[in-house]
Amino acid sequence: MMELKMIILGLILLLIGLLVGMGLLTTIGGILILVGAILWVLGATGRAVGGRKHFF
């Protein structure tokens, strides 16, 4: 669930950064999307992420 929140926040920041023209927001949004996607894939494969198998 936390991964999905990161991806959504990343998309929002990416869109705002593109609309306003702020490169920093675009970069942070892209990084959040990438990290959220990696954590989502790792969690889906059953690997322990951050020392835990399940996020609550």
PDB file of N, CA and C in Angstrom:
ATOM      1  N   MET A   1       0.815  -1.187   0.000  1.00  0.00           N
ATOM      2  CA  MET A   1       0.000   0.000   0.000  1.00  0.00           C
ATOM      3  C   MET A   1       0.865   1.259   0.000  1.00  0.00           C
ATOM      4  N   MET A   2       1.979   1.203   0.723  1.00  0.00           N
ATOM      5  CA  MET A   2       2.869   2.351   0.784  1.00  0.00           C
ATOM      6  C   MET A   2       3.492   2.632  -0.578  1.00  0.00           C
ATOM      7  N   GLU A   3       3.740   1.566  -1.338  1.00  0.00           N
ATOM      8  CA  GLU A   3       4.337   1.731  -2.657  1.00  0.00           C
ATOM      9  C   GLU A   3       3.394   2.489  -3.578  1.00  0.00           C
ATOM     10  N   LEU A   4       2.119   2.176  -3.491  1.00  0.00           N
ATOM     11  CA  LEU A   4       1.136   2.843  -4.341  1.00  0.00           C
ATOM     12  C   LEU A   4       1.047   4.334  -4.013  1.00  0.00           C
ATOM     13  N   LYS A   5       1.158   4.668  -2.730  1.00  0.00           N
ATOM     14  CA  LYS A   5       1.139   6.071  -2.326  1.00  0.00           C
ATOM     15  C   LYS A   5       2.350   6.805  -2.874  1.00  0.00           C
ATOM     16  N   MET A   6       3.506   6.139  -2.885  1.00  0.00           N
ATOM     17  CA  MET A   6       4.709   6.760  -3.424  1.00  0.00           C
ATOM     18  C   MET A   6       4.568   7.014  -4.918  1.00  0.00           C
ATOM     19  N   ILE A   7       3.984   6.049  -5.626  1.00  0.00           N
ATOM     20  CA  ILE A   7       3.813   6.198  -7.073  1.00  0.00           C
ATOM     21  C   ILE A   7       2.837   7.332  -7.378  1.00  0.00           C
ATOM     22  N   ILE A   8       1.744   7.404  -6.638  1.00  0.00           N
ATOM     23  CA  ILE A   8       0.755   8.468  -6.858  1.00  0.00           C
ATOM     24  C   ILE A   8       1.357   9.839  -6.545  1.00  0.00           C
ATOM     25  N   LEU A   9       2.083   9.952  -5.433  1.00  0.00           N
ATOM     26  CA  LEU A   9       2.732  11.215  -5.084  1.00  0.00           C
ATOM     27  C   LEU A   9       3.763  11.595  -6.146  1.00  0.00           C
ATOM     28  N   GLY A  10       4.499  10.605  -6.642  1.00  0.00           N
ATOM     29  CA  GLY A  10       5.471  10.859  -7.699  1.00  0.00           C
ATOM     30  C   GLY A  10       4.814  11.369  -8.968  1.00  0.00           C
ATOM     31  N   LEU A  11       3.673  10.781  -9.335  1.00  0.00           N
ATOM     32  CA  LEU A  11       2.954  11.240 -10.521  1.00  0.00           C
ATOM     33  C   LEU A  11       2.456  12.675 -10.364  1.00  0.00           C
ATOM     34  N   ILE A  12       1.940  12.979  -9.171  1.00  0.00           N
ATOM     35  CA  ILE A  12       1.448  14.338  -8.913  1.00  0.00           C
ATOM     36  C   ILE A  12       2.591  15.347  -9.009  1.00  0.00           C
ATOM     37  N   LEU A  13       3.720  15.031  -8.366  1.00  0.00           N
ATOM     38  CA  LEU A  13       4.856  15.945  -8.411  1.00  0.00           C
ATOM     39  C   LEU A  13       5.414  16.070  -9.817  1.00  0.00           C
ATOM     40  N   LEU A  14       5.433  14.970 -10.553  1.00  0.00           N
ATOM     41  CA  LEU A  14       5.925  15.003 -11.928  1.00  0.00           C
ATOM     42  C   LEU A  14       5.053  15.894 -12.806  1.00  0.00           C
ATOM     43  N   LEU A  15       3.745  15.747 -12.680  1.00  0.00           N
ATOM     44  CA  LEU A  15       2.834  16.576 -13.477  1.00  0.00           C
ATOM     45  C   LEU A  15       2.931  18.051 -13.103  1.00  0.00           C
ATOM     46  N   ILE A  16       2.988  18.340 -11.798  1.00  0.00           N
ATOM     47  CA  ILE A  16       3.115  19.731 -11.368  1.00  0.00           C
ATOM     48  C   ILE A  16       4.440  20.313 -11.870  1.00  0.00           C
ATOM     49  N   GLY A  17       5.502  19.530 -11.765  1.00  0.00           N
ATOM     50  CA  GLY A  17       6.799  19.995 -12.238  1.00  0.00           C
ATOM     51  C   GLY A  17       6.809  20.270 -13.728  1.00  0.00           C
ATOM     52  N   LEU A  18       6.128  19.440 -14.505  1.00  0.00           N
ATOM     53  CA  LEU A  18       6.076  19.657 -15.948  1.00  0.00           C
ATOM     54  C   LEU A  18       5.213  20.863 -16.306  1.00  0.00           C
ATOM     55  N   LEU A  19       4.087  21.028 -15.597  1.00  0.00           N
ATOM     56  CA  LEU A  19       3.189  22.143 -15.886  1.00  0.00           C
ATOM     57  C   LEU A  19       3.785  23.492 -15.489  1.00  0.00           C
ATOM     58  N   VAL A  20       4.456  23.521 -14.351  1.00  0.00           N
ATOM     59  CA  VAL A  20       5.016  24.767 -13.850  1.00  0.00           C
ATOM     60  C   VAL A  20       6.390  25.039 -14.453  1.00  0.00           C
ATOM     61  N   GLY A  21       7.075  23.997 -14.851  1.00  0.00           N
ATOM     62  CA  GLY A  21       8.400  24.160 -15.432  1.00  0.00           C
ATOM     63  C   GLY A  21       9.518  24.090 -14.414  1.00  0.00           C
ATOM     64  N   MET A  22       9.267  23.428 -13.287  1.00  0.00           N
ATOM     65  CA  MET A  22      10.291  23.285 -12.248  1.00  0.00           C
ATOM     66  C   MET A  22      10.970  21.929 -12.398  1.00  0.00           C
ATOM     67  N   GLY A  23      12.228  21.963 -12.758  1.00  0.00           N
ATOM     68  CA  GLY A  23      12.979  20.728 -12.967  1.00  0.00           C
ATOM     69  C   GLY A  23      13.152  19.904 -11.697  1.00  0.00           C
ATOM     70  N   LEU A  24      13.242  20.581 -10.560  1.00  0.00           N
ATOM     71  CA  LEU A  24      13.435  19.872  -9.295  1.00  0.00           C
ATOM     72  C   LEU A  24      12.225  19.002  -8.963  1.00  0.00           C
ATOM     73  N   LEU A  25      11.023  19.532  -9.123  1.00  0.00           N
ATOM     74  CA  LEU A  25       9.818  18.742  -8.857  1.00  0.00           C
ATOM     75  C   LEU A  25       9.701  17.570  -9.827  1.00  0.00           C
ATOM     76  N   THR A  26      10.071  17.798 -11.073  1.00  0.00           N
ATOM     77  CA  THR A  26      10.020  16.730 -12.064  1.00  0.00           C
ATOM     78  C   THR A  26      10.990  15.615 -11.698  1.00  0.00           C
ATOM     79  N   THR A  27      12.185  15.992 -11.258  1.00  0.00           N
ATOM     80  CA  THR A  27      13.187  14.999 -10.867  1.00  0.00           C
ATOM     81  C   THR A  27      12.741  14.212  -9.643  1.00  0.00           C
ATOM     82  N   ILE A  28      12.256  14.900  -8.624  1.00  0.00           N
ATOM     83  CA  ILE A  28      11.799  14.223  -7.403  1.00  0.00           C
ATOM     84  C   ILE A  28      10.619  13.306  -7.724  1.00  0.00           C
ATOM     85  N   GLY A  29       9.697  13.765  -8.564  1.00  0.00           N
ATOM     86  CA  GLY A  29       8.564  12.932  -8.955  1.00  0.00           C
ATOM     87  C   GLY A  29       9.003  11.675  -9.678  1.00  0.00           C
ATOM     88  N   GLY A  30       9.949  11.812 -10.583  1.00  0.00           N
ATOM     89  CA  GLY A  30      10.463  10.649 -11.309  1.00  0.00           C
ATOM     90  C   GLY A  30      11.151   9.657 -10.395  1.00  0.00           C
ATOM     91  N   ILE A  31      11.911  10.164  -9.432  1.00  0.00           N
ATOM     92  CA  ILE A  31      12.593   9.286  -8.483  1.00  0.00           C
ATOM     93  C   ILE A  31      11.581   8.545  -7.612  1.00  0.00           C
ATOM     94  N   LEU A  32      10.538   9.250  -7.148  1.00  0.00           N
ATOM     95  CA  LEU A  32       9.510   8.601  -6.327  1.00  0.00           C
ATOM     96  C   LEU A  32       8.771   7.510  -7.108  1.00  0.00           C
ATOM     97  N   ILE A  33       8.489   7.778  -8.375  1.00  0.00           N
ATOM     98  CA  ILE A  33       7.824   6.766  -9.202  1.00  0.00           C
ATOM     99  C   ILE A  33       8.719   5.543  -9.341  1.00  0.00           C
ATOM    100  N   LEU A  34      10.004   5.760  -9.600  1.00  0.00           N
ATOM    101  CA  LEU A  34      10.942   4.656  -9.787  1.00  0.00           C
ATOM    102  C   LEU A  34      11.100   3.827  -8.514  1.00  0.00           C
ATOM    103  N   VAL A  35      11.298   4.498  -7.378  1.00  0.00           N
ATOM    104  CA  VAL A  35      11.465   3.786  -6.107  1.00  0.00           C
ATOM    105  C   VAL A  35      10.182   3.047  -5.724  1.00  0.00           C
ATOM    106  N   GLY A  36       9.039   3.692  -5.916  1.00  0.00           N
ATOM    107  CA  GLY A  36       7.768   3.037  -5.603  1.00  0.00           C
ATOM    108  C   GLY A  36       7.543   1.804  -6.459  1.00  0.00           C
ATOM    109  N   ALA A  37       7.894   1.890  -7.749  1.00  0.00           N
ATOM    110  CA  ALA A  37       7.734   0.738  -8.633  1.00  0.00           C
ATOM    111  C   ALA A  37       8.658  -0.402  -8.235  1.00  0.00           C
ATOM    112  N   ILE A  38       9.895  -0.082  -7.858  1.00  0.00           N
ATOM    113  CA  ILE A  38      10.841  -1.125  -7.430  1.00  0.00           C
ATOM    114  C   ILE A  38      10.347  -1.803  -6.161  1.00  0.00           C
ATOM    115  N   LEU A  39       9.884  -1.008  -5.188  1.00  0.00           N
ATOM    116  CA  LEU A  39       9.371  -1.600  -3.946  1.00  0.00           C
ATOM    117  C   LEU A  39       8.125  -2.431  -4.197  1.00  0.00           C
ATOM    118  N   TRP A  40       7.289  -1.999  -5.131  1.00  0.00           N
ATOM    119  CA  TRP A  40       6.078  -2.739  -5.464  1.00  0.00           C
ATOM    120  C   TRP A  40       6.434  -4.100  -6.065  1.00  0.00           C
ATOM    121  N   VAL A  41       7.388  -4.111  -6.973  1.00  0.00           N
ATOM    122  CA  VAL A  41       7.805  -5.371  -7.602  1.00  0.00           C
ATOM    123  C   VAL A  41       8.453  -6.297  -6.579  1.00  0.00           C
ATOM    124  N   LEU A  42       9.310  -5.757  -5.725  1.00  0.00           N
ATOM    125  CA  LEU A  42       9.944  -6.585  -4.703  1.00  0.00           C
ATOM    126  C   LEU A  42       8.916  -7.146  -3.717  1.00  0.00           C
ATOM    127  N   GLY A  43       7.951  -6.327  -3.346  1.00  0.00           N
ATOM    128  CA  GLY A  43       6.906  -6.796  -2.436  1.00  0.00           C
ATOM    129  C   GLY A  43       6.020  -7.849  -3.080  1.00  0.00           C
ATOM    130  N   ALA A  44       5.785  -7.723  -4.386  1.00  0.00           N
ATOM    131  CA  ALA A  44       4.930  -8.683  -5.084  1.00  0.00           C
ATOM    132  C   ALA A  44       5.612 -10.038  -5.237  1.00  0.00           C
ATOM    133  N   THR A  45       6.942 -10.046  -5.265  1.00  0.00           N
ATOM    134  CA  THR A  45       7.661 -11.311  -5.407  1.00  0.00           C
ATOM    135  C   THR A  45       7.853 -12.010  -4.070  1.00  0.00           C
ATOM    136  N   GLY A  46       7.439 -11.353  -2.989  1.00  0.00           N
ATOM    137  CA  GLY A  46       7.529 -11.986  -1.672  1.00  0.00           C
ATOM    138  C   GLY A  46       8.835 -11.716  -0.951  1.00  0.00           C
ATOM    139  N   ARG A  47       9.662 -10.838  -1.501  1.00  0.00           N
ATOM    140  CA  ARG A  47      10.922 -10.524  -0.838  1.00  0.00           C
ATOM    141  C   ARG A  47      10.681  -9.563   0.322  1.00  0.00           C
ATOM    142  N   ALA A  48      11.477  -9.706   1.350  1.00  0.00           N
ATOM    143  CA  ALA A  48      11.369  -8.809   2.498  1.00  0.00           C
ATOM    144  C   ALA A  48      11.928  -7.445   2.114  1.00  0.00           C
ATOM    145  N   VAL A  49      11.133  -6.407   2.300  1.00  0.00           N
ATOM    146  CA  VAL A  49      11.553  -5.050   1.972  1.00  0.00           C
ATOM    147  C   VAL A  49      11.687  -4.276   3.272  1.00  0.00           C
ATOM    148  N   GLY A  50      12.867  -3.749   3.533  1.00  0.00           N
ATOM    149  CA  GLY A  50      13.090  -2.989   4.761  1.00  0.00           C
ATOM    150  C   GLY A  50      13.040  -3.850   5.999  1.00  0.00           C
ATOM    151  N   GLY A  51      13.394  -5.119   5.882  1.00  0.00           N
ATOM    152  CA  GLY A  51      13.395  -6.013   7.034  1.00  0.00           C
ATOM    153  C   GLY A  51      12.050  -6.604   7.364  1.00  0.00           C
ATOM    154  N   ARG A  52      11.018  -6.298   6.572  1.00  0.00           N
ATOM    155  CA  ARG A  52       9.676  -6.822   6.837  1.00  0.00           C
ATOM    156  C   ARG A  52       9.132  -7.472   5.576  1.00  0.00           C
ATOM    157  N   LYS A  53       8.343  -8.504   5.789  1.00  0.00           N
ATOM    158  CA  LYS A  53       7.693  -9.144   4.641  1.00  0.00           C
ATOM    159  C   LYS A  53       6.376  -8.485   4.305  1.00  0.00           C
ATOM    160  N   HIS A  54       5.758  -7.833   5.293  1.00  0.00           N
ATOM    161  CA  HIS A  54       4.442  -7.224   5.077  1.00  0.00           C
ATOM    162  C   HIS A  54       4.464  -5.804   5.618  1.00  0.00           C
ATOM    163  N   PHE A  55       3.812  -4.912   4.884  1.00  0.00           N
ATOM    164  CA  PHE A  55       3.619  -3.553   5.360  1.00  0.00           C
ATOM    165  C   PHE A  55       2.217  -3.455   5.933  1.00  0.00           C
ATOM    166  N   PHE A  56       2.091  -2.797   7.055  1.00  0.00           N
ATOM    167  CA  PHE A  56       0.790  -2.630   7.666  1.00  0.00           C
ATOM    168  C   PHE A  56       0.420  -1.189   7.685  1.00  0.00           C
TER     169      PHE A  56
END
